């Protein structure tokens, strides 16, 4: 991609309501723009990042044996009435009526719809287990949408639902999905913890959350320094959840926990962004919607179920909450819109532009995502500012050193600079990536 032919409207202006770094930088760097309260459009680079995260999620789920489907975004209210959740979801669930006065909802989640999809189509234990998932738009009418993609009303979510003949097999799939989710967050380059959680309106007997660790996280979690145990404070009776969630990360650091972890390790408070949640549902929905199968003895039984969610669009913001500095975004290699930004200092000089284009074509030939800043109207300082704001992992600067056969390589994370021979720069980039 060439900057001169792209649509990347960067700006120095920070929205008045943007308090989180991800909200500020994603808008300033031209990844998203706000269309309404809690509603955001994805500009070209934002769409690339969203698709890259989606691809990682899909790849790991497919490897684990889950099967992708796509349900309708609009769901008849009747399904929610039958499960008993029409009232439980309250005003977060947006209801609409068609011209014939039939009532529907914009799906905030899809347990009911997926049960209806499986009901009467899987009738024997021999066809179980099955794990179906989708990556689709959801809508929750948040009372106070804020923090950009972190708490919007419309968002992209991966929601999966598994069906089983026994509790034991349901728990096996639950454990498999926990390991699969760990692989997803690891591939995305995120520092995260898995914690015990409250099941909330989804229900069921047990659930775990996946938290991206970030000082700006809304949730307070307790973690061990010696093992991978963690818990959301909402599951700990002796802790006032509202009081602790209102504290900043710096304030939490001053609070000590005298109790030890069961492994003997020290416990501490930290902040996390909930980016995934998995639930053991049991028969909550299958019984309510009369979804059953015949077991090995020919007896009719309700499906044992589990459900698994990942906030795909929330992960876009989570990456930046965990990876940024005062200059802008710092994308991980798996999520970056482009891995390399070739900055031609003065694109009006033919020799600089030609050298940049040669490197650009060589990187593309090696299947490396690359963009070249070939803009002729913009000064070098402006181009560097865009590189730092947007957060490409690496920049190659074509400038005055070209006459000596050298270019400059910049690591966005450390901002360290290194002079590399023009002839060796492609191999250097390949070794870094």
Protein backbone atom coordinates (compact mmCIF):
# COMPACT_ATOMS: atom_id res chain seq x y z
CA UNK A 1 0.00 0.00 0.00
CA UNK A 2 1.13 3.53 -0.77
CA UNK A 3 0.36 6.33 1.66
CA UNK A 4 -0.32 8.59 -1.30
CA UNK A 5 -3.17 6.34 -2.43
CA UNK A 6 -4.52 5.35 0.97
CA UNK A 7 -7.18 6.73 3.31
CA UNK A 8 -5.45 7.30 6.66
CA UNK A 9 -6.80 10.57 8.09
CA UNK A 10 -4.53 11.20 11.09
CA UNK A 11 -5.10 14.20 13.34
CA UNK A 12 -3.54 15.94 16.33
CA UNK A 13 -6.94 16.62 17.87
CA UNK A 14 -8.07 14.41 20.75
CA UNK A 15 -11.85 13.93 21.23
CA UNK A 16 -13.09 15.66 24.37
CA UNK A 17 -14.69 12.49 25.75
CA UNK A 18 -11.70 10.22 25.05
CA UNK A 19 -9.99 9.39 28.35
CA UNK A 20 -8.38 6.04 27.53
CA UNK A 21 -5.24 5.85 25.36
CA UNK A 22 -6.88 3.37 22.97
CA UNK A 23 -9.87 5.68 22.43
CA UNK A 24 -7.60 8.68 21.82
CA UNK A 25 -5.02 7.01 19.59
CA UNK A 26 -7.38 4.84 17.51
CA UNK A 27 -9.30 7.97 16.50
CA UNK A 28 -6.26 10.23 16.09
CA UNK A 29 -4.41 7.60 14.03
CA UNK A 30 -7.35 7.08 11.67
CA UNK A 31 -8.38 3.55 12.69
CA UNK A 32 -11.96 4.37 13.73
CA UNK A 33 -14.39 7.25 13.89
CA UNK A 34 -17.47 7.77 16.00
CA UNK A 35 -20.84 7.69 14.28
CA UNK A 36 -23.04 8.00 17.36
CA UNK A 37 -23.09 7.22 21.07
CA UNK A 38 -21.22 3.92 21.41
CA UNK A 39 -21.21 3.43 17.62
CA UNK A 40 -17.98 3.35 15.60
CA UNK A 41 -16.95 2.96 11.97
CA UNK A 42 -13.75 1.13 11.03
CA UNK A 43 -11.56 2.99 8.58
CA UNK A 44 -9.29 0.95 6.25
CA UNK A 45 -6.48 0.32 8.74
CA UNK A 46 -8.94 -0.37 11.55
CA UNK A 47 -10.64 -2.95 9.36
CA UNK A 48 -7.28 -4.61 8.64
CA UNK A 49 -6.53 -4.91 12.36
CA UNK A 50 -10.03 -6.21 13.09
CA UNK A 51 -9.72 -8.82 10.33
CA UNK A 52 -6.29 -9.93 11.55
CA UNK A 53 -7.60 -10.52 15.06
CA UNK A 54 -10.65 -12.28 13.67
CA UNK A 55 -8.41 -14.55 11.56
CA UNK A 56 -6.36 -15.62 14.61
CA UNK A 57 -9.54 -16.37 16.56
CA UNK A 58 -10.99 -18.42 13.69
CA UNK A 59 -7.75 -20.30 13.03
CA UNK A 60 -7.37 -21.51 16.62
CA UNK A 61 -11.05 -22.41 16.98
CA UNK A 62 -11.03 -24.38 13.74
CA UNK A 63 -7.90 -26.24 14.88
CA UNK A 64 -9.72 -27.16 18.11
CA UNK A 65 -12.61 -28.69 16.15
CA UNK A 66 -15.19 -25.91 16.50
CA UNK A 67 -17.43 -25.31 13.46
CA UNK A 68 -18.30 -21.83 12.18
CA UNK A 69 -21.87 -20.78 11.39
CA UNK A 70 -23.57 -17.39 11.14
CA UNK A 71 -26.85 -16.58 12.84
CA UNK A 72 -29.19 -13.71 12.11
CA UNK A 73 -28.43 -10.44 13.90
CA UNK A 74 -32.18 -9.93 14.48
CA UNK A 75 -33.87 -12.56 16.69
CA UNK A 76 -37.60 -13.07 17.46
CA UNK A 77 -38.44 -12.04 21.04
CA UNK A 78 -40.32 -15.32 21.42
CA UNK A 79 -37.06 -17.22 21.93
CA UNK A 80 -36.09 -14.92 24.77
CA UNK A 81 -39.54 -15.19 26.36
CA UNK A 82 -39.29 -18.96 26.36
CA UNK A 83 -35.87 -18.99 28.00
CA UNK A 84 -36.98 -16.45 30.61
CA UNK A 85 -34.29 -13.94 29.69
CA UNK A 86 -36.46 -11.33 27.96
CA UNK A 87 -36.87 -9.50 31.25
CA UNK A 88 -33.53 -10.52 32.78
CA UNK A 89 -31.57 -8.66 30.09
CA UNK A 90 -33.47 -5.45 30.89
CA UNK A 91 -32.92 -2.30 28.85
CA UNK A 92 -29.57 -3.48 27.48
CA UNK A 93 -31.52 -5.56 24.96
CA UNK A 94 -32.84 -3.35 22.17
CA UNK A 95 -36.31 -4.35 21.04
CA UNK A 96 -37.76 -3.49 17.64
CA UNK A 97 -41.06 -4.14 15.82
CA UNK A 98 -41.62 -4.82 12.14
CA UNK A 99 -44.49 -3.51 9.99
CA UNK A 100 -46.70 -6.40 11.15
CA UNK A 101 -46.06 -5.50 14.79
CA UNK A 102 -43.93 -8.60 15.43
CA UNK A 103 -41.32 -7.98 18.12
CA UNK A 104 -37.63 -8.76 17.65
CA UNK A 105 -34.36 -8.00 19.42
CA UNK A 106 -30.93 -6.96 18.17
CA UNK A 107 -28.96 -9.91 19.50
CA UNK A 108 -26.78 -9.17 22.55
CA UNK A 109 -25.85 -12.90 22.64
CA UNK A 110 -27.24 -16.02 20.97
CA UNK A 111 -27.75 -18.94 23.37
CA UNK A 112 -31.43 -19.23 22.48
CA UNK A 113 -30.93 -18.96 18.73
CA UNK A 114 -28.18 -21.58 18.72
CA UNK A 115 -30.30 -24.01 20.75
CA UNK A 116 -33.08 -23.60 18.20
CA UNK A 117 -30.58 -24.26 15.42
CA UNK A 118 -29.52 -27.58 16.97
CA UNK A 119 -32.93 -28.62 18.31
CA UNK A 120 -34.48 -31.51 16.31
CA UNK A 121 -31.40 -31.56 14.06
CA UNK A 122 -29.21 -33.44 16.52
CA UNK A 123 -31.36 -36.17 18.04
CA UNK A 124 -28.89 -38.89 19.12
CA UNK A 125 -25.94 -39.09 21.49
CA UNK A 126 -24.00 -40.55 18.56
CA UNK A 127 -23.96 -37.09 16.93
CA UNK A 128 -22.50 -35.40 20.02
CA UNK A 129 -20.49 -33.44 20.96
CA UNK A 130 -20.68 -30.47 18.62
CA UNK A 131 -19.24 -26.97 19.12
CA UNK A 132 -20.71 -24.26 16.87
CA UNK A 133 -19.48 -20.67 16.81
CA UNK A 134 -19.91 -17.42 14.93
CA UNK A 135 -18.04 -14.12 14.71
CA UNK A 136 -20.84 -11.65 14.29
CA UNK A 137 -22.21 -8.23 15.26
CA UNK A 138 -23.86 -7.84 18.67
CA UNK A 139 -25.76 -4.93 20.20
CA UNK A 140 -26.15 -4.02 23.85
CA UNK A 141 -27.83 -0.73 24.70
CA UNK A 142 -25.31 0.36 27.34
CA UNK A 143 -26.62 3.02 29.70
CA UNK A 144 -23.25 4.82 29.56
CA UNK A 145 -21.31 3.82 26.45
CA UNK A 146 -17.75 5.08 26.91
CA UNK A 147 -14.08 4.37 26.37
CA UNK A 148 -14.39 3.93 22.60
CA UNK A 149 -14.33 0.29 21.49
CA UNK A 150 -13.94 -0.80 25.09
CA UNK A 151 -17.60 -0.27 25.97
CA UNK A 152 -19.54 0.47 22.83
CA UNK A 153 -23.10 -0.50 22.04
CA UNK A 154 -22.41 -2.27 18.73
CA UNK A 155 -19.45 -4.64 18.65
CA UNK A 156 -17.97 -7.70 16.96
CA UNK A 157 -18.05 -10.80 19.13
CA UNK A 158 -17.12 -14.43 18.77
CA UNK A 159 -19.77 -16.50 20.52
CA UNK A 160 -19.61 -20.30 20.59
CA UNK A 161 -21.98 -22.93 21.99
CA UNK A 162 -21.23 -26.59 22.61
CA UNK A 163 -23.69 -29.46 23.07
CA UNK A 164 -22.93 -32.67 24.97
CA UNK A 165 -24.41 -35.94 26.18
CA UNK A 166 -22.84 -35.70 29.66
CA UNK A 167 -21.56 -33.21 32.21
CA UNK A 168 -18.12 -34.81 32.00
CA UNK A 169 -17.88 -34.23 28.26
CA UNK A 170 -19.11 -30.66 28.63
CA UNK A 171 -16.34 -29.98 31.16
CA UNK A 172 -13.80 -31.58 28.80
CA UNK A 173 -14.80 -29.11 26.05
CA UNK A 174 -14.77 -26.26 28.57
CA UNK A 175 -11.15 -27.11 29.42
CA UNK A 176 -10.28 -27.44 25.72
CA UNK A 177 -11.70 -23.99 24.99
CA UNK A 178 -9.76 -22.52 27.92
CA UNK A 179 -6.54 -23.81 26.37
CA UNK A 180 -7.64 -22.63 22.91
CA UNK A 181 -8.33 -19.13 24.21
CA UNK A 182 -4.89 -19.05 25.82
CA UNK A 183 -3.37 -19.82 22.42
CA UNK A 184 -5.37 -16.98 20.84
CA UNK A 185 -4.26 -14.32 23.32
CA UNK A 186 -0.67 -15.58 23.22
CA UNK A 187 -0.58 -15.35 19.42
CA UNK A 188 -1.93 -11.81 19.62
CA UNK A 189 1.05 -10.90 21.80
CA UNK A 190 -0.99 -10.04 24.89
CA UNK A 191 -0.17 -10.34 28.59
CA UNK A 192 -3.30 -11.91 30.11
CA UNK A 193 -4.65 -13.91 33.04
CA UNK A 194 -7.49 -16.43 33.34
CA UNK A 195 -9.63 -15.74 36.44
CA UNK A 196 -12.63 -17.19 38.24
CA UNK A 197 -15.71 -15.12 37.44
CA UNK A 198 -19.40 -14.55 38.07
CA UNK A 199 -21.74 -15.96 35.42
CA UNK A 200 -24.11 -12.98 35.51
CA UNK A 201 -27.11 -12.94 33.15
CA UNK A 202 -25.71 -15.80 31.04
CA UNK A 203 -26.14 -18.22 33.93
CA UNK A 204 -24.71 -21.68 34.54
CA UNK A 205 -22.64 -23.25 37.30
CA UNK A 206 -19.14 -22.01 36.57
CA UNK A 207 -17.30 -19.50 34.42
CA UNK A 208 -13.86 -18.08 33.74
CA UNK A 209 -12.84 -14.70 32.34
CA UNK A 210 -9.79 -13.84 30.25
CA UNK A 211 -8.34 -10.49 31.27
CA UNK A 212 -5.82 -8.47 29.31
CA UNK A 213 -3.68 -6.84 31.99
CA UNK A 214 -3.75 -3.06 31.67
CA UNK A 215 -3.56 -0.21 34.16
CA UNK A 216 -6.73 1.26 32.63
CA UNK A 217 -8.82 -1.91 32.99
CA UNK A 218 -12.31 -1.57 34.45
CA UNK A 219 -12.17 -4.76 36.51
CA UNK A 220 -10.08 -5.44 39.59
CA UNK A 221 -8.61 -8.92 39.75
CA UNK A 222 -6.54 -10.82 42.30
CA UNK A 223 -3.54 -12.73 40.95
CA UNK A 224 -0.82 -14.97 42.35
CA UNK A 225 2.85 -14.29 41.70
CA UNK A 226 3.78 -17.99 41.80
CA UNK A 227 1.07 -19.77 39.81
CA UNK A 228 -1.59 -18.91 37.22
CA UNK A 229 -4.47 -18.62 39.73
CA UNK A 230 -6.58 -15.49 39.54
CA UNK A 231 -10.07 -14.28 40.41
CA UNK A 232 -12.30 -11.33 39.64
CA UNK A 233 -13.04 -9.60 42.95
CA UNK A 234 -16.78 -9.92 42.17
CA UNK A 235 -16.41 -13.60 43.20
CA UNK A 236 -14.82 -12.78 46.60
CA UNK A 237 -17.47 -12.14 49.25
CA UNK A 238 -15.36 -10.11 51.68
CA UNK A 239 -14.35 -7.52 49.05
CA UNK A 240 -16.49 -4.51 48.13
CA UNK A 241 -16.47 -4.75 44.32
CA UNK A 242 -17.68 -1.19 43.64
CA UNK A 243 -15.12 0.33 46.00
CA UNK A 244 -12.17 -1.53 44.50
CA UNK A 245 -13.18 -1.08 40.85
CA UNK A 246 -13.31 2.68 41.47
CA UNK A 247 -9.64 2.67 42.49
CA UNK A 248 -6.90 3.34 39.98
CA UNK A 249 -4.09 0.91 39.33
CA UNK A 250 -1.70 3.13 41.32
CA UNK A 251 -4.10 3.16 44.29
CA UNK A 252 -4.48 -0.61 44.15
CA UNK A 253 -0.72 -1.15 44.31
CA UNK A 254 -0.72 0.25 47.86
CA UNK A 255 -3.27 -2.32 49.08
CA UNK A 256 -1.82 -5.55 50.45
CA UNK A 257 -3.36 -9.01 50.77
CA UNK A 258 -2.21 -10.93 53.83
CA UNK A 259 -3.81 -14.18 52.72
CA UNK A 260 -1.60 -16.52 50.66
CA UNK A 261 -2.56 -18.44 47.53
CA UNK A 262 -3.18 -22.17 47.98
CA UNK A 263 0.19 -22.73 46.28
CA UNK A 264 1.89 -20.56 48.91
CA UNK A 265 2.47 -17.63 46.59
CA UNK A 266 1.74 -13.97 47.30
CA UNK A 267 -1.53 -12.44 46.12
CA UNK A 268 -1.91 -8.91 44.74
CA UNK A 269 -4.48 -6.69 43.08
CA UNK A 270 -4.23 -5.58 39.47
CA UNK A 271 -6.47 -4.22 36.71
CA UNK A 272 -7.76 -6.17 33.75
CA UNK A 273 -9.84 -5.74 30.61
CA UNK A 274 -12.31 -8.58 30.16
CA UNK A 275 -11.71 -9.82 26.61
CA UNK A 276 -13.18 -13.31 26.87
CA UNK A 277 -15.60 -15.32 29.01
CA UNK A 278 -16.45 -19.02 29.04
CA UNK A 279 -19.39 -20.62 30.87
CA UNK A 280 -20.56 -24.07 31.94
CA UNK A 281 -24.27 -23.77 31.24
CA UNK A 282 -25.52 -27.27 32.03
CA UNK A 283 -29.16 -27.69 30.95
CA UNK A 284 -30.33 -24.10 31.64
CA UNK A 285 -31.23 -23.37 28.01
CA UNK A 286 -31.86 -26.83 26.63
CA UNK A 287 -34.53 -27.51 29.28
CA UNK A 288 -36.17 -24.09 28.84
CA UNK A 289 -36.38 -24.57 25.07
CA UNK A 290 -37.15 -28.33 25.21
CA UNK A 291 -34.03 -29.28 23.23
CA UNK A 292 -33.32 -32.98 23.80
CA UNK A 293 -31.59 -36.05 22.38
CA UNK A 294 -31.81 -39.81 22.89
CA UNK A 295 -29.04 -41.23 25.09
CA UNK A 296 -27.43 -44.71 24.81
CA UNK A 297 -30.44 -46.23 26.62
CA UNK A 298 -32.95 -44.59 24.30
CA UNK A 299 -34.02 -42.11 26.99
CA UNK A 300 -34.73 -38.49 26.16
CA UNK A 301 -32.28 -36.08 27.81
CA UNK A 302 -31.68 -32.31 27.63
CA UNK A 303 -28.34 -31.28 26.13
CA UNK A 304 -25.51 -30.37 28.46
CA UNK A 305 -24.16 -27.06 27.20
CA UNK A 306 -21.28 -24.62 27.49
CA UNK A 307 -20.81 -21.23 25.89
CA UNK A 308 -17.66 -19.32 24.94
CA UNK A 309 -17.27 -15.62 24.08
CA UNK A 310 -14.46 -13.37 22.86
CA UNK A 311 -14.79 -9.61 22.37
CA UNK A 312 -13.07 -9.38 18.98
CA UNK A 313 -13.52 -5.62 18.50
CA UNK A 314 -12.68 -5.02 22.17
CA UNK A 315 -9.35 -6.76 21.54
CA UNK A 316 -8.47 -4.01 19.04
CA UNK A 317 -8.59 -1.51 21.90
CA UNK A 318 -7.06 -3.95 24.41
CA UNK A 319 -3.89 -4.31 22.33
CA UNK A 320 -3.36 -0.54 22.49
CA UNK A 321 -4.24 -0.23 26.18
CA UNK A 322 -1.40 -2.65 26.85
CA UNK A 323 0.94 -1.36 24.12
CA UNK A 324 1.34 2.39 23.73
CA UNK A 325 3.46 5.34 24.78
CA UNK A 326 2.93 9.11 24.82
CA UNK A 327 3.47 9.24 21.05
CA UNK A 328 0.82 6.72 20.02
CA UNK A 329 0.02 3.09 19.29
CA UNK A 330 2.50 0.19 19.40
CA UNK A 331 0.91 -2.76 17.58
CA UNK A 332 2.04 -6.32 18.18
CA UNK A 333 3.35 -8.14 15.11
CA UNK A 334 0.22 -10.30 14.78
CA UNK A 335 -2.15 -7.32 14.93
CA UNK A 336 -0.27 -4.54 13.09
CA UNK A 337 -2.01 -3.22 9.95
CA UNK A 338 1.44 -3.22 8.28
CA UNK A 339 4.66 -4.55 9.75
CA UNK A 340 6.95 -2.08 8.00
CA UNK A 341 6.57 1.59 7.11
CA UNK A 342 9.06 2.74 4.46
CA UNK A 343 9.47 6.48 4.97
CA UNK A 344 10.84 8.31 1.96
CA UNK A 345 12.21 11.50 3.51
CA UNK A 346 11.84 13.54 0.34
CA UNK A 347 9.70 11.75 -2.24
CA UNK A 348 10.39 14.55 -4.73
CA UNK A 349 13.93 13.18 -5.04
CA UNK A 350 13.82 10.41 -7.61
CA UNK A 351 16.74 8.45 -6.14
CA UNK A 352 15.08 8.29 -2.68
CA UNK A 353 11.69 7.30 -4.08
CA UNK A 354 13.18 4.68 -6.38
CA UNK A 355 15.22 3.15 -3.54
CA UNK A 356 12.12 3.06 -1.33
CA UNK A 357 10.01 1.44 -4.03
CA UNK A 358 12.68 -1.20 -4.65
CA UNK A 359 12.70 -2.20 -0.97
CA UNK A 360 8.90 -2.05 -0.95
CA UNK A 361 8.60 -4.51 -3.83
CA UNK A 362 11.19 -6.86 -2.32
CA UNK A 363 9.34 -6.96 1.01
CA UNK A 364 6.05 -7.61 -0.75
CA UNK A 365 7.70 -10.44 -2.71
CA UNK A 366 8.58 -11.96 0.67
CA UNK A 367 4.94 -11.73 1.82
CA UNK A 368 5.70 -9.03 4.38
CA UNK A 369 2.92 -6.51 5.00
CA UNK A 370 4.45 -3.17 4.08
CA UNK A 371 3.35 0.39 3.41
CA UNK A 372 5.47 3.10 1.76
CA UNK A 373 5.11 6.73 2.75
CA UNK A 374 5.64 8.23 -0.70
CA UNK A 375 3.75 11.47 -0.02
CA UNK A 376 5.39 14.41 -1.75
CA UNK A 377 3.50 17.20 0.03
CA UNK A 378 4.36 16.09 3.57
CA UNK A 379 7.62 16.90 5.33
CA UNK A 380 9.78 14.24 6.94
CA UNK A 381 8.79 15.32 10.48
CA UNK A 382 5.11 14.87 9.66
CA UNK A 383 5.75 11.40 8.25
CA UNK A 384 7.70 10.41 11.38
CA UNK A 385 4.85 11.71 13.52
CA UNK A 386 2.40 9.50 11.62
CA UNK A 387 4.69 6.47 12.02
CA UNK A 388 4.85 6.98 15.79
CA UNK A 389 1.14 7.71 16.12
CA UNK A 390 -0.05 4.79 13.98
CA UNK A 391 2.42 2.37 15.55
CA UNK A 392 3.80 0.17 12.76
CA UNK A 393 6.38 -2.18 14.36
CA UNK A 394 9.25 -1.00 12.13
CA UNK A 395 10.17 1.96 9.92
CA UNK A 396 12.83 2.11 7.21
CA UNK A 397 13.91 5.70 6.59
CA UNK A 398 15.26 6.54 3.13
CA UNK A 399 17.16 9.81 3.51
CA UNK A 400 20.53 11.54 3.31
CA UNK A 401 22.47 8.39 4.18
CA UNK A 402 21.29 6.81 0.92
CA UNK A 403 24.26 8.38 -0.89
CA UNK A 404 26.47 6.20 1.35
CA UNK A 405 24.36 3.12 0.61
CA UNK A 406 22.67 3.17 4.02
CA UNK A 407 19.12 3.42 5.38
CA UNK A 408 17.86 3.81 8.93
CA UNK A 409 15.84 1.12 10.72
CA UNK A 410 13.61 2.23 13.62
CA UNK A 411 11.99 -0.11 16.14
CA UNK A 412 8.66 1.49 17.15
CA UNK A 413 8.56 -0.15 20.58
CA UNK A 414 12.00 1.08 21.69
CA UNK A 415 12.46 3.92 19.15
CA UNK A 416 16.05 2.70 18.77
CA UNK A 417 17.68 3.49 15.42
CA UNK A 418 20.18 1.45 13.45
CA UNK A 419 21.91 2.13 10.17
CA UNK A 420 21.68 -0.80 7.74
CA UNK A 421 23.07 -1.28 4.25
CA UNK A 422 20.46 -0.91 1.52
CA UNK A 423 21.53 -4.30 0.22
CA UNK A 424 20.93 -5.98 3.61
CA UNK A 425 17.75 -4.27 4.84
CA UNK A 426 15.30 -6.84 3.46
CA UNK A 427 17.17 -9.74 5.10
CA UNK A 428 17.31 -7.75 8.35
CA UNK A 429 13.54 -7.23 8.31
CA UNK A 430 12.98 -10.93 7.56
CA UNK A 431 15.10 -11.88 10.57
CA UNK A 432 13.12 -9.54 12.83
CA UNK A 433 9.74 -10.79 11.65
